[in-house]
């Protein structure tokens, strides 16, 4: 029996890594395929020194799109300057601040030194180099234009990083204000209202109806706070469990896309990424069918993924790309029309790039619109909460002075 290290993709596009024993490499390949896993790399495990073991168990740390873009720019520039790819990667690894990425690059350089291709070397690290990156690198390496492919890949990572920052920036403000509202409510209910309650107990006259109603709600919350928290925890747990089921996931994905404004931003961001990524893949020499398969795995939303796969299925039946996109019911009219123009004119890549830029501007406009609407709404909400508490607390004082 021999011990092998393997990396493989499952049917849902997730990476599986591990160590197994088998009689031979072919036996392990048969085992993986029987389990419906697609092997990416298989290498024989060797005895390692303690220092090597410590190197190989570097704790995983997420590699940001910005870091990947920088790596691709640097590697492309060094290759154009005449450096060998092994020396270039080793040089870049020395200045990497992310320890996991540094480990990955050093491992890639070591694999290249043993004669592996660059494509096979990056495929051994699917957590860093996804199928998109591997496909673009393979197309560039096979076609003799690796530096151009790396420039394309760097632009993709840069554009994706900008899009992620836009969406996160749009969500940061409302989340901050909502947290601020919760803090205000907690402070009012734990510090302010109890002090006024002591004063109301010495109040000889009848409290105003608004104050009585407010205090009734306050006492209901305070007296049943444990029960309310238990109910809230139960609802959250039920929602989490439901989201793990196939039906629950579909409902959650549908809700995500149908939320006012946020759903539109999600859709437009996906269309933007779709067009820009498809342009990068096609320009690098990846076939349209393979590109659609890669694009389907780039989104966690199952509804979007199914739409892309349906469009791909239509294309395998001989339908044009524009008509396939229309048939899946996922893409807006502008994207479909632009794809049709690109196909008919033979300039699909520049047309897709322009379409991606158009939808990037749409995302900017939607984000600005959402912030312009949310800002006054949240300010009014904070003011309404504070005003409600102040009125309830001070109405008895005003009635005494009348």
Protein backbone atom coordinates (compact mmCIF):
# COMPACT_ATOMS: atom_id res chain seq x y z
CA UNK A 1 0.00 0.00 0.00
CA UNK A 2 1.15 3.52 -0.83
CA UNK A 3 0.13 6.80 0.75
CA UNK A 4 -1.05 9.60 -1.55
CA UNK A 5 -2.05 13.21 -1.06
CA UNK A 6 -4.92 14.28 -3.31
CA UNK A 7 -6.93 17.37 -4.26
CA UNK A 8 -10.31 16.94 -6.00
CA UNK A 9 -13.56 18.76 -6.81
CA UNK A 10 -16.96 17.33 -5.85
CA UNK A 11 -20.15 17.63 -7.91
CA UNK A 12 -21.09 20.89 -6.15
CA UNK A 13 -17.78 22.56 -7.04
CA UNK A 14 -16.26 22.30 -3.55
CA UNK A 15 -12.62 21.44 -2.98
CA UNK A 16 -11.75 18.18 -1.20
CA UNK A 17 -8.22 17.55 0.10
CA UNK A 18 -6.86 14.59 2.02
CA UNK A 19 -4.48 11.67 2.37
CA UNK A 20 -5.41 8.09 1.38
CA UNK A 21 -3.75 4.75 0.98
CA UNK A 22 -4.07 2.76 -2.24
CA UNK A 23 -2.22 0.08 -4.16
CA UNK A 24 -1.35 2.55 -6.92
CA UNK A 25 -2.16 5.96 -8.36
CA UNK A 26 -4.65 4.33 -10.76
CA UNK A 27 -6.48 2.64 -7.87
CA UNK A 28 -6.83 5.98 -6.09
CA UNK A 29 -8.11 7.60 -9.30
CA UNK A 30 -10.74 4.86 -9.57
CA UNK A 31 -11.78 5.37 -5.92
CA UNK A 32 -12.19 9.12 -6.35
CA UNK A 33 -14.16 8.79 -9.57
CA UNK A 34 -16.40 6.17 -7.96
CA UNK A 35 -17.19 8.76 -5.28
CA UNK A 36 -18.03 11.28 -8.05
CA UNK A 37 -14.94 13.37 -7.32
CA UNK A 38 -12.91 15.01 -10.10
CA UNK A 39 -9.17 14.62 -9.31
CA UNK A 40 -7.06 17.78 -9.62
CA UNK A 41 -3.71 16.49 -8.38
CA UNK A 42 -2.39 13.31 -6.81
CA UNK A 43 1.09 13.09 -5.34
CA UNK A 44 2.85 10.44 -3.32
CA UNK A 45 3.28 11.38 0.34
CA UNK A 46 6.87 11.40 1.55
CA UNK A 47 8.43 11.34 5.01
CA UNK A 48 8.94 14.88 6.22
CA UNK A 49 11.17 16.42 8.81
CA UNK A 50 9.56 18.22 11.73
CA UNK A 51 10.43 21.58 10.15
CA UNK A 52 8.70 20.59 6.89
CA UNK A 53 5.63 19.41 8.78
CA UNK A 54 5.38 22.74 10.58
CA UNK A 55 5.69 24.51 7.21
CA UNK A 56 2.91 22.43 5.65
CA UNK A 57 0.43 23.06 8.46
CA UNK A 58 0.44 26.82 8.06
CA UNK A 59 -2.95 27.92 9.24
CA UNK A 60 -5.28 28.83 6.39
CA UNK A 61 -5.86 32.54 6.01
CA UNK A 62 -8.18 34.02 3.41
CA UNK A 63 -6.39 35.54 0.45
CA UNK A 64 -8.07 38.78 -0.63
CA UNK A 65 -8.73 39.71 -4.25
CA UNK A 66 -6.42 42.70 -3.81
CA UNK A 67 -3.52 40.40 -2.87
CA UNK A 68 -4.19 38.11 -5.83
CA UNK A 69 -4.32 41.08 -8.22
CA UNK A 70 -0.97 42.32 -6.91
CA UNK A 71 0.57 38.87 -7.32
CA UNK A 72 -0.65 38.57 -10.93
CA UNK A 73 0.60 42.07 -11.85
CA UNK A 74 4.02 41.39 -10.32
CA UNK A 75 4.40 37.96 -11.93
CA UNK A 76 3.34 39.23 -15.37
CA UNK A 77 5.79 42.16 -15.14
CA UNK A 78 8.68 39.90 -14.08
CA UNK A 79 7.98 37.41 -16.87
CA UNK A 80 7.93 40.24 -19.41
CA UNK A 81 11.27 41.40 -17.96
CA UNK A 82 12.86 38.04 -18.77
CA UNK A 83 12.92 36.35 -15.34
CA UNK A 84 12.14 32.64 -15.14
CA UNK A 85 8.79 31.85 -13.58
CA UNK A 86 10.35 29.93 -10.67
CA UNK A 87 12.66 32.79 -9.71
CA UNK A 88 9.84 35.31 -10.15
CA UNK A 89 7.49 33.46 -7.81
CA UNK A 90 10.22 32.93 -5.21
CA UNK A 91 11.01 36.67 -5.33
CA UNK A 92 7.35 37.63 -4.90
CA UNK A 93 6.92 35.16 -2.01
CA UNK A 94 9.67 36.92 -0.03
CA UNK A 95 7.59 40.12 0.22
CA UNK A 96 4.17 38.53 0.90
CA UNK A 97 2.61 39.54 4.24
CA UNK A 98 -0.05 36.79 4.18
CA UNK A 99 1.71 33.70 5.62
CA UNK A 100 -0.63 31.26 3.88
CA UNK A 101 -0.14 32.87 0.47
CA UNK A 102 3.61 32.89 1.09
CA UNK A 103 3.49 29.16 1.83
CA UNK A 104 1.40 28.53 -1.32
CA UNK A 105 3.77 30.48 -3.57
CA UNK A 106 6.83 28.70 -2.14
CA UNK A 107 5.13 25.35 -2.72
CA UNK A 108 4.29 26.35 -6.32
CA UNK A 109 7.92 27.36 -6.89
CA UNK A 110 9.09 24.01 -5.49
CA UNK A 111 6.70 22.13 -7.78
CA UNK A 112 7.90 24.14 -10.79
CA UNK A 113 11.51 23.27 -9.88
CA UNK A 114 10.63 19.55 -10.09
CA UNK A 115 9.26 19.96 -13.62
CA UNK A 116 5.54 20.44 -13.03
CA UNK A 117 3.69 22.89 -15.24
CA UNK A 118 2.47 26.17 -13.77
CA UNK A 119 -1.13 25.06 -14.34
CA UNK A 120 -0.70 21.82 -12.38
CA UNK A 121 1.15 23.68 -9.63
CA UNK A 122 -1.64 26.21 -9.02
CA UNK A 123 -4.31 23.51 -9.28
CA UNK A 124 -2.83 21.93 -6.17
CA UNK A 125 -4.09 24.95 -4.19
CA UNK A 126 -7.79 25.39 -5.11
CA UNK A 127 -8.48 27.49 -2.01
CA UNK A 128 -6.32 30.24 -3.52
CA UNK A 129 -6.53 29.54 -7.25
CA UNK A 130 -10.12 28.70 -8.17
CA UNK A 131 -11.29 27.16 -11.43
CA UNK A 132 -11.44 30.58 -13.07
CA UNK A 133 -7.78 31.33 -12.31
CA UNK A 134 -6.67 27.81 -13.28
CA UNK A 135 -8.53 28.01 -16.61
CA UNK A 136 -7.07 31.39 -17.54
CA UNK A 137 -3.55 30.30 -16.54
CA UNK A 138 -3.89 27.03 -18.49
CA UNK A 139 -5.09 28.89 -21.59
CA UNK A 140 -2.21 31.36 -21.35
CA UNK A 141 0.41 28.69 -20.69
CA UNK A 142 -0.86 26.50 -23.55
CA UNK A 143 -1.09 29.42 -26.00
CA UNK A 144 2.27 30.91 -25.09
CA UNK A 145 0.76 34.14 -23.75
CA UNK A 146 0.99 33.61 -20.00
CA UNK A 147 1.87 37.22 -19.18
CA UNK A 148 -1.20 38.47 -21.09
CA UNK A 149 -3.40 35.97 -19.26
CA UNK A 150 -1.95 37.10 -15.93
CA UNK A 151 -2.75 40.73 -16.80
CA UNK A 152 -6.31 39.64 -17.58
CA UNK A 153 -6.56 37.74 -14.31
CA UNK A 154 -5.20 40.72 -12.36
CA UNK A 155 -7.82 42.99 -13.92
CA UNK A 156 -10.51 40.47 -12.97
CA UNK A 157 -9.38 40.38 -9.34
CA UNK A 158 -9.14 44.18 -9.25
CA UNK A 159 -12.64 44.65 -10.65
CA UNK A 160 -14.05 42.04 -8.27
CA UNK A 161 -12.38 43.77 -5.32
CA UNK A 162 -13.93 47.12 -6.34
CA UNK A 163 -17.37 45.54 -6.63
CA UNK A 164 -17.10 43.83 -3.24
CA UNK A 165 -16.02 47.10 -1.62
CA UNK A 166 -19.00 48.91 -3.15
CA UNK A 167 -21.53 46.38 -1.87
CA UNK A 168 -19.93 46.20 1.59
CA UNK A 169 -19.75 49.98 1.77
CA UNK A 170 -23.46 50.17 0.97
CA UNK A 171 -24.29 47.80 3.83
CA UNK A 172 -21.94 49.32 6.41
CA UNK A 173 -23.95 52.48 7.08
CA UNK A 174 -27.37 50.88 7.70
CA UNK A 175 -25.80 48.14 9.85
CA UNK A 176 -24.03 50.77 11.96
CA UNK A 177 -27.21 52.82 12.43
CA UNK A 178 -29.29 49.73 13.32
CA UNK A 179 -26.70 48.74 15.94
CA UNK A 180 -26.79 52.32 17.23
CA UNK A 181 -30.59 52.14 17.53
CA UNK A 182 -30.33 48.90 19.51
CA UNK A 183 -27.79 50.50 21.88
CA UNK A 184 -30.09 53.50 22.38
CA UNK A 185 -33.05 51.25 23.19
CA UNK A 186 -31.01 49.21 25.68
CA UNK A 187 -29.69 52.35 27.42
CA UNK A 188 -33.15 53.94 27.63
CA UNK A 189 -34.77 50.78 28.94
CA UNK A 190 -32.09 49.94 31.52
CA UNK A 191 -31.01 53.38 32.79
CA UNK A 192 -33.64 56.04 32.01
CA UNK A 193 -37.03 54.33 32.27
CA UNK A 194 -36.38 52.65 35.68
CA UNK A 195 -35.55 56.06 37.24
CA UNK A 196 -38.80 57.55 35.98
CA UNK A 197 -40.70 54.47 37.17
CA UNK A 198 -39.60 55.16 40.76
CA UNK A 199 -40.86 58.72 40.39
CA UNK A 200 -44.19 57.57 38.88
CA UNK A 201 -44.80 55.32 41.90
CA UNK A 202 -44.95 58.47 44.07
CA UNK A 203 -47.17 60.24 41.56
CA UNK A 204 -50.59 60.82 43.17
CA UNK A 205 -52.61 61.60 40.05
CA UNK A 206 -53.50 59.30 37.17
CA UNK A 207 -50.79 58.86 34.55
CA UNK A 208 -51.61 59.91 30.97
CA UNK A 209 -52.88 57.13 28.70
CA UNK A 210 -49.76 57.30 26.47
CA UNK A 211 -47.49 56.84 29.48
CA UNK A 212 -49.59 53.97 30.84
CA UNK A 213 -49.45 52.21 27.48
CA UNK A 214 -45.69 52.71 27.22
CA UNK A 215 -45.10 51.39 30.76
CA UNK A 216 -47.33 48.38 30.05
CA UNK A 217 -45.18 47.50 27.03
CA UNK A 218 -42.03 48.12 29.07
CA UNK A 219 -43.17 45.82 31.91
CA UNK A 220 -44.23 43.17 29.41
CA UNK A 221 -40.77 43.14 27.90
CA UNK A 222 -38.92 43.21 31.24
CA UNK A 223 -41.10 40.53 32.87
CA UNK A 224 -40.89 38.16 29.91
CA UNK A 225 -37.39 38.95 28.64
CA UNK A 226 -36.19 35.35 29.14
CA UNK A 227 -39.18 33.95 27.28
CA UNK A 228 -38.75 36.47 24.45
CA UNK A 229 -35.05 35.60 24.10
CA UNK A 230 -35.89 31.89 24.04
CA UNK A 231 -38.50 32.44 21.32
CA UNK A 232 -36.02 34.55 19.32
CA UNK A 233 -33.30 31.91 19.70
CA UNK A 234 -35.77 29.20 18.63
CA UNK A 235 -36.79 31.17 15.52
CA UNK A 236 -33.14 31.78 14.59
CA UNK A 237 -32.28 28.10 15.10
CA UNK A 238 -35.31 27.04 13.03
CA UNK A 239 -34.30 29.45 10.26
CA UNK A 240 -30.71 28.13 10.26
CA UNK A 241 -31.92 24.50 10.14
CA UNK A 242 -34.40 25.33 7.36
CA UNK A 243 -31.67 27.09 5.37
CA UNK A 244 -29.69 23.82 5.31
CA UNK A 245 -32.49 22.01 3.48
CA UNK A 246 -32.91 22.13 -0.29
CA UNK A 247 -36.29 23.87 -0.06
CA UNK A 248 -35.06 26.30 2.59
CA UNK A 249 -31.99 27.22 0.54
CA UNK A 250 -34.14 27.89 -2.52
CA UNK A 251 -36.48 30.11 -0.47
CA UNK A 252 -33.53 31.97 1.06
CA UNK A 253 -31.89 32.56 -2.33
CA UNK A 254 -35.22 33.74 -3.78
CA UNK A 255 -35.73 36.12 -0.85
CA UNK A 256 -32.20 37.46 -1.30
CA UNK A 257 -32.91 38.37 -4.92
CA UNK A 258 -36.38 39.80 -4.27
CA UNK A 259 -35.50 42.18 -1.43
CA UNK A 260 -36.22 45.83 -2.33
CA UNK A 261 -33.10 47.56 -3.70
CA UNK A 262 -30.75 45.03 -2.08
CA UNK A 263 -32.05 42.33 -4.41
CA UNK A 264 -31.52 44.59 -7.43
CA UNK A 265 -27.99 45.39 -6.28
CA UNK A 266 -27.27 41.66 -5.94
CA UNK A 267 -28.61 40.98 -9.43
CA UNK A 268 -26.75 43.87 -11.06
CA UNK A 269 -23.52 42.93 -9.26
CA UNK A 270 -23.84 39.37 -10.56
CA UNK A 271 -24.48 40.53 -14.14
CA UNK A 272 -21.47 42.87 -13.89
CA UNK A 273 -19.21 40.06 -12.63
CA UNK A 274 -20.64 37.65 -15.20
CA UNK A 275 -19.88 39.92 -18.17
CA UNK A 276 -16.42 40.93 -17.01
CA UNK A 277 -15.40 37.36 -16.11
CA UNK A 278 -16.78 35.90 -19.35
CA UNK A 279 -14.79 38.50 -21.29
CA UNK A 280 -11.62 37.52 -19.39
CA UNK A 281 -12.15 33.80 -20.00
CA UNK A 282 -12.99 34.12 -23.71
CA UNK A 283 -10.08 36.49 -24.38
CA UNK A 284 -7.75 33.99 -22.68
CA UNK A 285 -8.85 31.19 -25.02
CA UNK A 286 -11.36 29.36 -22.82
CA UNK A 287 -14.35 27.98 -24.74
CA UNK A 288 -17.80 29.48 -24.15
CA UNK A 289 -19.20 26.23 -22.71
CA UNK A 290 -16.31 25.83 -20.27
CA UNK A 291 -16.59 29.51 -19.35
CA UNK A 292 -20.28 29.13 -18.47
CA UNK A 293 -19.48 26.10 -16.32
CA UNK A 294 -16.86 28.13 -14.43
CA UNK A 295 -19.23 31.10 -14.07
CA UNK A 296 -21.92 28.87 -12.58
CA UNK A 297 -19.55 27.89 -9.77
CA UNK A 298 -18.61 31.49 -8.95
CA UNK A 299 -21.93 32.34 -7.26
CA UNK A 300 -23.22 30.73 -4.04
CA UNK A 301 -26.83 31.57 -5.02
CA UNK A 302 -28.34 28.36 -6.38
CA UNK A 303 -30.98 30.22 -8.45
CA UNK A 304 -28.31 32.22 -10.29
CA UNK A 305 -26.20 29.09 -10.71
CA UNK A 306 -29.13 27.14 -12.17
CA UNK A 307 -29.85 29.99 -14.58
CA UNK A 308 -26.27 29.95 -15.93
CA UNK A 309 -26.30 26.14 -16.21
CA UNK A 310 -29.63 26.28 -18.06
CA UNK A 311 -28.16 28.78 -20.52
CA UNK A 312 -25.17 26.46 -21.01
CA UNK A 313 -27.49 23.52 -21.62
CA UNK A 314 -29.32 25.50 -24.31
CA UNK A 315 -26.00 26.28 -26.02
CA UNK A 316 -25.07 22.59 -26.09
CA UNK A 317 -28.33 22.07 -28.00
CA UNK A 318 -27.22 24.54 -30.66
CA UNK A 319 -28.97 27.70 -29.43
CA UNK A 320 -27.02 30.96 -29.69
CA UNK A 321 -25.56 32.48 -26.53
CA UNK A 322 -27.93 35.48 -26.57
CA UNK A 323 -31.02 33.28 -27.00
CA UNK A 324 -29.76 30.90 -24.32
CA UNK A 325 -29.34 33.80 -21.89
CA UNK A 326 -32.87 34.95 -22.71
CA UNK A 327 -34.31 31.48 -22.21
CA UNK A 328 -32.99 31.14 -18.66
CA UNK A 329 -34.89 34.28 -17.56
CA UNK A 330 -31.99 35.56 -15.51
CA UNK A 331 -30.40 38.25 -17.66
CA UNK A 332 -31.90 41.71 -18.37
CA UNK A 333 -32.68 42.84 -21.91
CA UNK A 334 -29.61 45.08 -22.23
CA UNK A 335 -27.19 42.23 -21.45
CA UNK A 336 -28.97 39.90 -23.90
CA UNK A 337 -29.00 42.50 -26.68
CA UNK A 338 -25.31 43.32 -26.17
CA UNK A 339 -24.40 39.61 -26.25
CA UNK A 340 -26.32 39.28 -29.52
CA UNK A 341 -24.46 42.26 -31.01
CA UNK A 342 -21.13 40.81 -29.87
CA UNK A 343 -21.88 37.42 -31.42
CA UNK A 344 -23.05 38.86 -34.74
CA UNK A 345 -20.18 41.35 -35.06
CA UNK A 346 -17.46 38.95 -33.91
CA UNK A 347 -16.41 41.35 -31.13
CA UNK A 348 -17.82 39.51 -28.12
CA UNK A 349 -14.98 40.35 -25.71
CA UNK A 350 -15.03 44.18 -26.04
CA UNK A 351 -18.84 44.18 -26.03
CA UNK A 352 -18.91 42.12 -22.81
CA UNK A 353 -16.34 44.46 -21.24
CA UNK A 354 -18.49 47.49 -22.09
CA UNK A 355 -21.57 45.71 -20.74
CA UNK A 356 -19.74 44.92 -17.50
CA UNK A 357 -18.75 48.59 -17.15
CA UNK A 358 -22.37 49.61 -17.78
CA UNK A 359 -23.66 47.38 -14.99
CA UNK A 360 -20.84 48.48 -12.68
CA UNK A 361 -22.19 52.03 -13.07
CA UNK A 362 -25.70 50.67 -12.41
CA UNK A 363 -24.46 49.15 -9.15
CA UNK A 364 -22.95 52.53 -8.20
CA UNK A 365 -26.25 54.28 -8.93
CA UNK A 366 -28.28 51.73 -6.95
CA UNK A 367 -25.91 51.94 -3.99
CA UNK A 368 -26.15 55.74 -3.99
CA UNK A 369 -29.94 55.55 -4.25
CA UNK A 370 -30.17 53.09 -1.37
CA UNK A 371 -27.98 55.24 0.86
CA UNK A 372 -29.95 58.39 -0.02
CA UNK A 373 -33.18 56.60 0.95
CA UNK A 374 -31.88 54.82 4.04
CA UNK A 375 -30.16 57.82 5.61
CA UNK A 376 -33.31 59.90 6.28
CA UNK A 377 -35.36 56.78 7.16
CA UNK A 378 -32.86 55.66 9.79
CA UNK A 379 -32.46 59.18 11.17
CA UNK A 380 -36.25 59.46 11.52
CA UNK A 381 -36.35 56.03 13.19
CA UNK A 382 -33.77 57.08 15.79
CA UNK A 383 -35.64 60.33 16.42
CA UNK A 384 -39.00 58.54 16.71
CA UNK A 385 -37.68 56.12 19.32
CA UNK A 386 -36.13 58.86 21.42
CA UNK A 387 -39.23 61.07 21.04
CA UNK A 388 -41.54 58.22 22.11
CA UNK A 389 -39.57 57.60 25.29
CA UNK A 390 -39.31 61.31 26.12
CA UNK A 391 -43.02 61.90 25.62
CA UNK A 392 -43.94 58.90 27.73
CA UNK A 393 -41.63 59.98 30.55
CA UNK A 394 -42.35 63.71 30.55
CA UNK A 395 -46.11 63.80 29.88
CA UNK A 396 -46.93 63.22 33.59
CA UNK A 397 -44.62 66.14 34.51
CA UNK A 398 -46.32 68.37 31.95
CA UNK A 399 -49.76 67.37 33.25
CA UNK A 400 -48.70 68.31 36.82
CA UNK A 401 -47.66 71.79 35.72
CA UNK A 402 -51.00 72.48 34.01
